[in-house]
């Protein structure tokens, strides 16, 4: 395997690990906290409602937005690491 193709394989593996990690966090917050753990979080008040409802309404959306910025930041770091960064 050539050096360029092995570099591409490592880059793709790192990208897939990052995507999988982001999806796990998003699923945990949107499905786990908002649906599965909602009864456990119902007794914790947040902003006039309970924490489970907050995760279902605002928490999962805010987490998704934070994950977008995290993914962009981390991909820039990966691009620099593998020599694929955009020149300014």
PDB file of N, CA and C in Angstrom:
ATOM      1  N   UNK A   1       0.857  -1.178   0.000  1.00  0.00           N
ATOM      2  CA  UNK A   1       0.000   0.000   0.000  1.00  0.00           C
ATOM      3  C   UNK A   1       0.899   1.235   0.000  1.00  0.00           C
ATOM      4  N   UNK A   2       0.574   2.177  -0.837  1.00  0.00           N
ATOM      5  CA  UNK A   2       1.412   3.370  -0.921  1.00  0.00           C
ATOM      6  C   UNK A   2       1.194   4.259   0.299  1.00  0.00           C
ATOM      7  N   UNK A   3       2.120   5.186   0.477  1.00  0.00           N
ATOM      8  CA  UNK A   3       2.066   6.091   1.616  1.00  0.00           C
ATOM      9  C   UNK A   3       0.829   6.993   1.553  1.00  0.00           C
ATOM     10  N   UNK A   4       0.484   7.453   0.355  1.00  0.00           N
ATOM     11  CA  UNK A   4      -0.684   8.332   0.195  1.00  0.00           C
ATOM     12  C   UNK A   4      -1.981   7.587   0.480  1.00  0.00           C
ATOM     13  N   UNK A   5      -2.086   6.348   0.032  1.00  0.00           N
ATOM     14  CA  UNK A   5      -3.326   5.602   0.273  1.00  0.00           C
ATOM     15  C   UNK A   5      -3.452   5.193   1.738  1.00  0.00           C
ATOM     16  N   UNK A   6      -2.343   4.882   2.401  1.00  0.00           N
ATOM     17  CA  UNK A   6      -2.432   4.558   3.828  1.00  0.00           C
ATOM     18  C   UNK A   6      -2.775   5.807   4.634  1.00  0.00           C
ATOM     19  N   UNK A   7      -2.279   6.961   4.199  1.00  0.00           N
ATOM     20  CA  UNK A   7      -2.627   8.228   4.834  1.00  0.00           C
ATOM     21  C   UNK A   7      -4.125   8.505   4.661  1.00  0.00           C
ATOM     22  N   UNK A   8      -4.657   8.211   3.481  1.00  0.00           N
ATOM     23  CA  UNK A   8      -6.082   8.419   3.226  1.00  0.00           C
ATOM     24  C   UNK A   8      -6.928   7.480   4.085  1.00  0.00           C
ATOM     25  N   UNK A   9      -6.478   6.257   4.263  1.00  0.00           N
ATOM     26  CA  UNK A   9      -7.207   5.292   5.098  1.00  0.00           C
ATOM     27  C   UNK A   9      -7.216   5.755   6.553  1.00  0.00           C
ATOM     28  N   UNK A  10      -6.073   6.226   7.049  1.00  0.00           N
ATOM     29  CA  UNK A  10      -6.018   6.722   8.426  1.00  0.00           C
ATOM     30  C   UNK A  10      -6.893   7.954   8.615  1.00  0.00           C
ATOM     31  N   UNK A  11      -6.894   8.839   7.621  1.00  0.00           N
ATOM     32  CA  UNK A  11      -7.736  10.037   7.677  1.00  0.00           C
ATOM     33  C   UNK A  11      -9.211   9.650   7.727  1.00  0.00           C
ATOM     34  N   UNK A  12      -9.611   8.699   6.891  1.00  0.00           N
ATOM     35  CA  UNK A  12     -11.008   8.272   6.851  1.00  0.00           C
ATOM     36  C   UNK A  12     -11.415   7.583   8.149  1.00  0.00           C
ATOM     37  N   UNK A  13     -10.517   6.779   8.726  1.00  0.00           N
ATOM     38  CA  UNK A  13     -10.819   6.130  10.007  1.00  0.00           C
ATOM     39  C   UNK A  13     -10.999   7.161  11.115  1.00  0.00           C
ATOM     40  N   UNK A  14     -10.142   8.175  11.137  1.00  0.00           N
ATOM     41  CA  UNK A  14     -10.264   9.231  12.146  1.00  0.00           C
ATOM     42  C   UNK A  14     -11.564  10.004  11.950  1.00  0.00           C
ATOM     43  N   UNK A  15     -11.926  10.250  10.705  1.00  0.00           N
ATOM     44  CA  UNK A  15     -13.183  10.947  10.403  1.00  0.00           C
ATOM     45  C   UNK A  15     -14.376  10.115  10.853  1.00  0.00           C
ATOM     46  N   UNK A  16     -14.361   8.828  10.588  1.00  0.00           N
ATOM     47  CA  UNK A  16     -15.476   7.959  10.999  1.00  0.00           C
ATOM     48  C   UNK A  16     -15.581   7.859  12.521  1.00  0.00           C
ATOM     49  N   UNK A  17     -14.446   7.811  13.222  1.00  0.00           N
ATOM     50  CA  UNK A  17     -14.483   7.799  14.693  1.00  0.00           C
ATOM     51  C   UNK A  17     -15.117   9.077  15.226  1.00  0.00           C
ATOM     52  N   UNK A  18     -14.770  10.201  14.611  1.00  0.00           N
ATOM     53  CA  UNK A  18     -15.333  11.483  15.024  1.00  0.00           C
ATOM     54  C   UNK A  18     -16.844  11.517  14.773  1.00  0.00           C
ATOM     55  N   UNK A  19     -17.259  11.079  13.610  1.00  0.00           N
ATOM     56  CA  UNK A  19     -18.689  11.049  13.287  1.00  0.00           C
ATOM     57  C   UNK A  19     -19.432  10.125  14.249  1.00  0.00           C
ATOM     58  N   UNK A  20     -18.890   8.948  14.499  1.00  0.00           N
ATOM     59  CA  UNK A  20     -19.539   7.996  15.403  1.00  0.00           C
ATOM     60  C   UNK A  20     -19.654   8.563  16.818  1.00  0.00           C
ATOM     61  N   UNK A  21     -18.602   9.213  17.290  1.00  0.00           N
ATOM     62  CA  UNK A  21     -18.649   9.829  18.613  1.00  0.00           C
ATOM     63  C   UNK A  21     -19.712  10.911  18.705  1.00  0.00           C
ATOM     64  N   UNK A  22     -19.796  11.749  17.675  1.00  0.00           N
ATOM     65  CA  UNK A  22     -20.821  12.805  17.654  1.00  0.00           C
ATOM     66  C   UNK A  22     -22.227  12.207  17.620  1.00  0.00           C
ATOM     67  N   UNK A  23     -22.418  11.159  16.835  1.00  0.00           N
ATOM     68  CA  UNK A  23     -23.731  10.524  16.762  1.00  0.00           C
ATOM     69  C   UNK A  23     -24.125   9.870  18.088  1.00  0.00           C
ATOM     70  N   UNK A  24     -23.165   9.289  18.780  1.00  0.00           N
ATOM     71  CA  UNK A  24     -23.449   8.672  20.076  1.00  0.00           C
ATOM     72  C   UNK A  24     -23.884   9.737  21.081  1.00  0.00           C
ATOM     73  N   UNK A  25     -23.166  10.861  21.118  1.00  0.00           N
ATOM     74  CA  UNK A  25     -23.542  11.947  22.035  1.00  0.00           C
ATOM     75  C   UNK A  25     -24.932  12.464  21.691  1.00  0.00           C
ATOM     76  N   UNK A  26     -25.189  12.687  20.409  1.00  0.00           N
ATOM     77  CA  UNK A  26     -26.485  13.208  19.990  1.00  0.00           C
ATOM     78  C   UNK A  26     -27.605  12.233  20.341  1.00  0.00           C
ATOM     79  N   UNK A  27     -27.398  10.931  20.105  1.00  0.00           N
ATOM     80  CA  UNK A  27     -28.417   9.937  20.425  1.00  0.00           C
ATOM     81  C   UNK A  27     -28.641   9.850  21.932  1.00  0.00           C
ATOM     82  N   UNK A  28     -27.573   9.920  22.697  1.00  0.00           N
ATOM     83  CA  UNK A  28     -27.708   9.861  24.149  1.00  0.00           C
ATOM     84  C   UNK A  28     -28.536  11.027  24.673  1.00  0.00           C
ATOM     85  N   UNK A  29     -28.268  12.225  24.166  1.00  0.00           N
ATOM     86  CA  UNK A  29     -28.996  13.397  24.634  1.00  0.00           C
ATOM     87  C   UNK A  29     -30.427  13.402  24.116  1.00  0.00           C
ATOM     88  N   UNK A  30     -30.608  13.195  22.807  1.00  0.00           N
ATOM     89  CA  UNK A  30     -31.955  13.339  22.237  1.00  0.00           C
ATOM     90  C   UNK A  30     -32.860  12.143  22.542  1.00  0.00           C
ATOM     91  N   UNK A  31     -32.327  10.933  22.516  1.00  0.00           N
ATOM     92  CA  UNK A  31     -33.159   9.760  22.762  1.00  0.00           C
ATOM     93  C   UNK A  31     -33.068   9.305  24.217  1.00  0.00           C
ATOM     94  N   UNK A  32     -31.843   9.240  24.724  1.00  0.00           N
ATOM     95  CA  UNK A  32     -31.653   8.735  26.083  1.00  0.00           C
ATOM     96  C   UNK A  32     -32.218   9.652  27.147  1.00  0.00           C
ATOM     97  N   UNK A  33     -31.744  10.912  27.175  1.00  0.00           N
ATOM     98  CA  UNK A  33     -32.197  11.839  28.209  1.00  0.00           C
ATOM     99  C   UNK A  33     -33.633  12.285  27.998  1.00  0.00           C
ATOM    100  N   UNK A  34     -34.023  12.537  26.756  1.00  0.00           N
ATOM    101  CA  UNK A  34     -35.350  13.097  26.485  1.00  0.00           C
ATOM    102  C   UNK A  34     -36.462  12.053  26.532  1.00  0.00           C
ATOM    103  N   UNK A  35     -36.154  10.799  26.257  1.00  0.00           N
ATOM    104  CA  UNK A  35     -37.215   9.787  26.202  1.00  0.00           C
ATOM    105  C   UNK A  35     -37.025   8.709  27.279  1.00  0.00           C
ATOM    106  N   UNK A  36     -35.892   8.024  27.237  1.00  0.00           N
ATOM    107  CA  UNK A  36     -35.699   6.890  28.149  1.00  0.00           C
ATOM    108  C   UNK A  36     -35.533   7.314  29.605  1.00  0.00           C
ATOM    109  N   UNK A  37     -34.775   8.377  29.845  1.00  0.00           N
ATOM    110  CA  UNK A  37     -34.513   8.803  31.217  1.00  0.00           C
ATOM    111  C   UNK A  37     -35.430   9.937  31.679  1.00  0.00           C
ATOM    112  N   UNK A  38     -36.441  10.271  30.886  1.00  0.00           N
ATOM    113  CA  UNK A  38     -37.325  11.374  31.246  1.00  0.00           C
ATOM    114  C   UNK A  38     -37.989  11.180  32.609  1.00  0.00           C
ATOM    115  N   UNK A  39     -38.493   9.994  32.937  1.00  0.00           N
ATOM    116  CA  UNK A  39     -39.101   9.838  34.275  1.00  0.00           C
ATOM    117  C   UNK A  39     -38.116  10.101  35.422  1.00  0.00           C
ATOM    118  N   UNK A  40     -36.859   9.741  35.234  1.00  0.00           N
ATOM    119  CA  UNK A  40     -35.859   9.986  36.274  1.00  0.00           C
ATOM    120  C   UNK A  40     -35.513  11.469  36.390  1.00  0.00           C
ATOM    121  N   UNK A  41     -35.600  12.194  35.274  1.00  0.00           N
ATOM    122  CA  UNK A  41     -35.251  13.608  35.248  1.00  0.00           C
ATOM    123  C   UNK A  41     -36.439  14.517  35.525  1.00  0.00           C
ATOM    124  N   UNK A  42     -37.621  13.931  35.711  1.00  0.00           N
ATOM    125  CA  UNK A  42     -38.841  14.734  35.866  1.00  0.00           C
ATOM    126  C   UNK A  42     -38.846  15.558  37.147  1.00  0.00           C
ATOM    127  N   UNK A  43     -38.145  15.134  38.168  1.00  0.00           N
ATOM    128  CA  UNK A  43     -38.164  15.853  39.432  1.00  0.00           C
ATOM    129  C   UNK A  43     -37.184  17.012  39.521  1.00  0.00           C
ATOM    130  N   UNK A  44     -36.375  17.208  38.495  1.00  0.00           N
ATOM    131  CA  UNK A  44     -35.367  18.265  38.529  1.00  0.00           C
ATOM    132  C   UNK A  44     -35.894  19.473  37.757  1.00  0.00           C
ATOM    133  N   UNK A  45     -36.198  20.569  38.465  1.00  0.00           N
ATOM    134  CA  UNK A  45     -36.755  21.736  37.761  1.00  0.00           C
ATOM    135  C   UNK A  45     -35.679  22.547  37.030  1.00  0.00           C
ATOM    136  N   UNK A  46     -36.003  22.953  35.800  1.00  0.00           N
ATOM    137  CA  UNK A  46     -35.116  23.793  34.989  1.00  0.00           C
ATOM    138  C   UNK A  46     -35.979  24.793  34.238  1.00  0.00           C
ATOM    139  N   UNK A  47     -35.843  26.070  34.545  1.00  0.00           N
ATOM    140  CA  UNK A  47     -36.546  27.112  33.806  1.00  0.00           C
ATOM    141  C   UNK A  47     -38.057  26.968  33.801  1.00  0.00           C
ATOM    142  N   UNK A  48     -38.649  26.526  34.891  1.00  0.00           N
ATOM    143  CA  UNK A  48     -40.104  26.404  34.965  1.00  0.00           C
ATOM    144  C   UNK A  48     -40.649  25.084  34.457  1.00  0.00           C
ATOM    145  N   UNK A  49     -39.805  24.171  34.050  1.00  0.00           N
ATOM    146  CA  UNK A  49     -40.231  22.850  33.594  1.00  0.00           C
ATOM    147  C   UNK A  49     -39.253  21.816  34.142  1.00  0.00           C
ATOM    148  N   UNK A  50     -39.473  20.555  33.853  1.00  0.00           N
ATOM    149  CA  UNK A  50     -38.551  19.539  34.354  1.00  0.00           C
ATOM    150  C   UNK A  50     -37.424  19.287  33.349  1.00  0.00           C
ATOM    151  N   UNK A  51     -36.346  18.695  33.831  1.00  0.00           N
ATOM    152  CA  UNK A  51     -35.147  18.509  33.025  1.00  0.00           C
ATOM    153  C   UNK A  51     -35.380  17.587  31.825  1.00  0.00           C
ATOM    154  N   UNK A  52     -36.199  16.556  31.989  1.00  0.00           N
ATOM    155  CA  UNK A  52     -36.494  15.660  30.867  1.00  0.00           C
ATOM    156  C   UNK A  52     -37.185  16.376  29.727  1.00  0.00           C
ATOM    157  N   UNK A  53     -38.156  17.218  30.056  1.00  0.00           N
ATOM    158  CA  UNK A  53     -38.843  18.003  29.033  1.00  0.00           C
ATOM    159  C   UNK A  53     -37.881  18.991  28.385  1.00  0.00           C
ATOM    160  N   UNK A  54     -37.005  19.592  29.195  1.00  0.00           N
ATOM    161  CA  UNK A  54     -36.036  20.547  28.655  1.00  0.00           C
ATOM    162  C   UNK A  54     -35.119  19.878  27.643  1.00  0.00           C
ATOM    163  N   UNK A  55     -34.635  18.664  27.964  1.00  0.00           N
ATOM    164  CA  UNK A  55     -33.791  17.934  27.020  1.00  0.00           C
ATOM    165  C   UNK A  55     -34.553  17.640  25.732  1.00  0.00           C
ATOM    166  N   UNK A  56     -35.824  17.292  25.844  1.00  0.00           N
ATOM    167  CA  UNK A  56     -36.605  16.976  24.652  1.00  0.00           C
ATOM    168  C   UNK A  56     -36.839  18.212  23.788  1.00  0.00           C
ATOM    169  N   UNK A  57     -36.998  19.376  24.397  1.00  0.00           N
ATOM    170  CA  UNK A  57     -37.337  20.578  23.641  1.00  0.00           C
ATOM    171  C   UNK A  57     -36.112  21.396  23.238  1.00  0.00           C
ATOM    172  N   UNK A  58     -35.287  21.781  24.198  1.00  0.00           N
ATOM    173  CA  UNK A  58     -34.155  22.647  23.885  1.00  0.00           C
ATOM    174  C   UNK A  58     -32.808  21.934  23.958  1.00  0.00           C
ATOM    175  N   UNK A  59     -32.672  21.029  24.883  1.00  0.00           N
ATOM    176  CA  UNK A  59     -31.374  20.401  25.116  1.00  0.00           C
ATOM    177  C   UNK A  59     -30.835  19.650  23.922  1.00  0.00           C
ATOM    178  N   UNK A  60     -31.682  18.883  23.251  1.00  0.00           N
ATOM    179  CA  UNK A  60     -31.197  18.122  22.102  1.00  0.00           C
ATOM    180  C   UNK A  60     -30.842  19.047  20.940  1.00  0.00           C
ATOM    181  N   UNK A  61     -31.587  20.131  20.775  1.00  0.00           N
ATOM    182  CA  UNK A  61     -31.280  21.078  19.703  1.00  0.00           C
ATOM    183  C   UNK A  61     -29.973  21.806  19.990  1.00  0.00           C
ATOM    184  N   UNK A  62     -29.806  22.277  21.228  1.00  0.00           N
ATOM    185  CA  UNK A  62     -28.567  22.970  21.590  1.00  0.00           C
ATOM    186  C   UNK A  62     -27.362  22.036  21.515  1.00  0.00           C
ATOM    187  N   UNK A  63     -27.548  20.785  21.897  1.00  0.00           N
ATOM    188  CA  UNK A  63     -26.475  19.807  21.791  1.00  0.00           C
ATOM    189  C   UNK A  63     -26.100  19.578  20.337  1.00  0.00           C
ATOM    190  N   UNK A  64     -27.094  19.496  19.462  1.00  0.00           N
ATOM    191  CA  UNK A  64     -26.837  19.308  18.041  1.00  0.00           C
ATOM    192  C   UNK A  64     -26.042  20.483  17.476  1.00  0.00           C
ATOM    193  N   UNK A  65     -26.407  21.698  17.837  1.00  0.00           N
ATOM    194  CA  UNK A  65     -25.679  22.883  17.367  1.00  0.00           C
ATOM    195  C   UNK A  65     -24.247  22.872  17.892  1.00  0.00           C
ATOM    196  N   UNK A  66     -24.071  22.517  19.164  1.00  0.00           N
ATOM    197  CA  UNK A  66     -22.723  22.431  19.729  1.00  0.00           C
ATOM    198  C   UNK A  66     -21.900  21.358  19.016  1.00  0.00           C
ATOM    199  N   UNK A  67     -22.536  20.244  18.665  1.00  0.00           N
ATOM    200  CA  UNK A  67     -21.830  19.185  17.947  1.00  0.00           C
ATOM    201  C   UNK A  67     -21.402  19.629  16.553  1.00  0.00           C
ATOM    202  N   UNK A  68     -22.195  20.458  15.902  1.00  0.00           N
ATOM    203  CA  UNK A  68     -21.817  20.985  14.590  1.00  0.00           C
ATOM    204  C   UNK A  68     -20.527  21.791  14.701  1.00  0.00           C
ATOM    205  N   UNK A  69     -20.462  22.695  15.680  1.00  0.00           N
ATOM    206  CA  UNK A  69     -19.255  23.500  15.861  1.00  0.00           C
ATOM    207  C   UNK A  69     -18.064  22.636  16.287  1.00  0.00           C
ATOM    208  N   UNK A  70     -18.300  21.656  17.164  1.00  0.00           N
ATOM    209  CA  UNK A  70     -17.232  20.754  17.584  1.00  0.00           C
ATOM    210  C   UNK A  70     -16.703  19.958  16.395  1.00  0.00           C
ATOM    211  N   UNK A  71     -17.607  19.438  15.561  1.00  0.00           N
ATOM    212  CA  UNK A  71     -17.194  18.654  14.394  1.00  0.00           C
ATOM    213  C   UNK A  71     -16.366  19.504  13.431  1.00  0.00           C
ATOM    214  N   UNK A  72     -16.788  20.732  13.170  1.00  0.00           N
ATOM    215  CA  UNK A  72     -16.042  21.616  12.267  1.00  0.00           C
ATOM    216  C   UNK A  72     -14.655  21.918  12.834  1.00  0.00           C
ATOM    217  N   UNK A  73     -14.581  22.204  14.140  1.00  0.00           N
ATOM    218  CA  UNK A  73     -13.303  22.489  14.782  1.00  0.00           C
ATOM    219  C   UNK A  73     -12.376  21.274  14.722  1.00  0.00           C
ATOM    220  N   UNK A  74     -12.928  20.108  15.042  1.00  0.00           N
ATOM    221  CA  UNK A  74     -12.122  18.883  15.067  1.00  0.00           C
ATOM    222  C   UNK A  74     -11.683  18.465  13.668  1.00  0.00           C
ATOM    223  N   UNK A  75     -12.539  18.646  12.667  1.00  0.00           N
ATOM    224  CA  UNK A  75     -12.155  18.315  11.289  1.00  0.00           C
ATOM    225  C   UNK A  75     -11.049  19.238  10.799  1.00  0.00           C
ATOM    226  N   UNK A  76     -11.075  20.504  11.202  1.00  0.00           N
ATOM    227  CA  UNK A  76      -9.971  21.398  10.845  1.00  0.00           C
ATOM    228  C   UNK A  76      -8.662  20.892  11.438  1.00  0.00           C
ATOM    229  N   UNK A  77      -8.720  20.403  12.686  1.00  0.00           N
ATOM    230  CA  UNK A  77      -7.529  19.841  13.317  1.00  0.00           C
ATOM    231  C   UNK A  77      -7.051  18.584  12.580  1.00  0.00           C
ATOM    232  N   UNK A  78      -7.987  17.718  12.177  1.00  0.00           N
ATOM    233  CA  UNK A  78      -7.624  16.521  11.416  1.00  0.00           C
ATOM    234  C   UNK A  78      -7.031  16.887  10.062  1.00  0.00           C
ATOM    235  N   UNK A  79      -7.612  17.877   9.401  1.00  0.00           N
ATOM    236  CA  UNK A  79      -7.083  18.322   8.118  1.00  0.00           C
ATOM    237  C   UNK A  79      -5.648  18.812   8.260  1.00  0.00           C
ATOM    238  N   UNK A  80      -5.370  19.563   9.318  1.00  0.00           N
ATOM    239  CA  UNK A  80      -4.010  20.037   9.565  1.00  0.00           C
ATOM    240  C   UNK A  80      -3.072  18.874   9.873  1.00  0.00           C
ATOM    241  N   UNK A  81      -3.556  17.930  10.638  1.00  0.00           N
ATOM    242  CA  UNK A  81      -2.738  16.773  11.016  1.00  0.00           C
ATOM    243  C   UNK A  81      -2.338  15.952   9.792  1.00  0.00           C
ATOM    244  N   UNK A  82      -3.246  15.817   8.825  1.00  0.00           N
ATOM    245  CA  UNK A  82      -2.976  15.005   7.640  1.00  0.00           C
ATOM    246  C   UNK A  82      -2.534  15.840   6.445  1.00  0.00           C
ATOM    247  N   UNK A  83      -2.249  17.112   6.657  1.00  0.00           N
ATOM    248  CA  UNK A  83      -1.758  17.958   5.583  1.00  0.00           C
ATOM    249  C   UNK A  83      -2.783  18.318   4.535  1.00  0.00           C
ATOM    250  N   UNK A  84      -4.038  18.400   4.928  1.00  0.00           N
ATOM    251  CA  UNK A  84      -5.119  18.713   3.991  1.00  0.00           C
ATOM    252  C   UNK A  84      -5.793  20.044   4.297  1.00  0.00           C
ATOM    253  N   UNK A  85      -5.162  20.850   5.140  1.00  0.00           N
ATOM    254  CA  UNK A  85      -5.788  22.107   5.574  1.00  0.00           C
ATOM    255  C   UNK A  85      -5.873  23.092   4.414  1.00  0.00           C
ATOM    256  N   UNK A  86      -6.921  23.900   4.447  1.00  0.00           N
ATOM    257  CA  UNK A  86      -7.092  24.955   3.446  1.00  0.00           C
ATOM    258  C   UNK A  86      -6.115  26.078   3.748  1.00  0.00           C
ATOM    259  N   UNK A  87      -5.564  26.649   2.716  1.00  0.00           N
ATOM    260  CA  UNK A  87      -4.652  27.774   2.911  1.00  0.00           C
ATOM    261  C   UNK A  87      -5.441  29.065   2.968  1.00  0.00           C
ATOM    262  N   UNK A  88      -5.009  29.949   3.853  1.00  0.00           N
ATOM    263  CA  UNK A  88      -5.724  31.217   4.006  1.00  0.00           C
ATOM    264  C   UNK A  88      -5.068  32.308   3.227  1.00  0.00           C
TER     265      UNK A  88
END
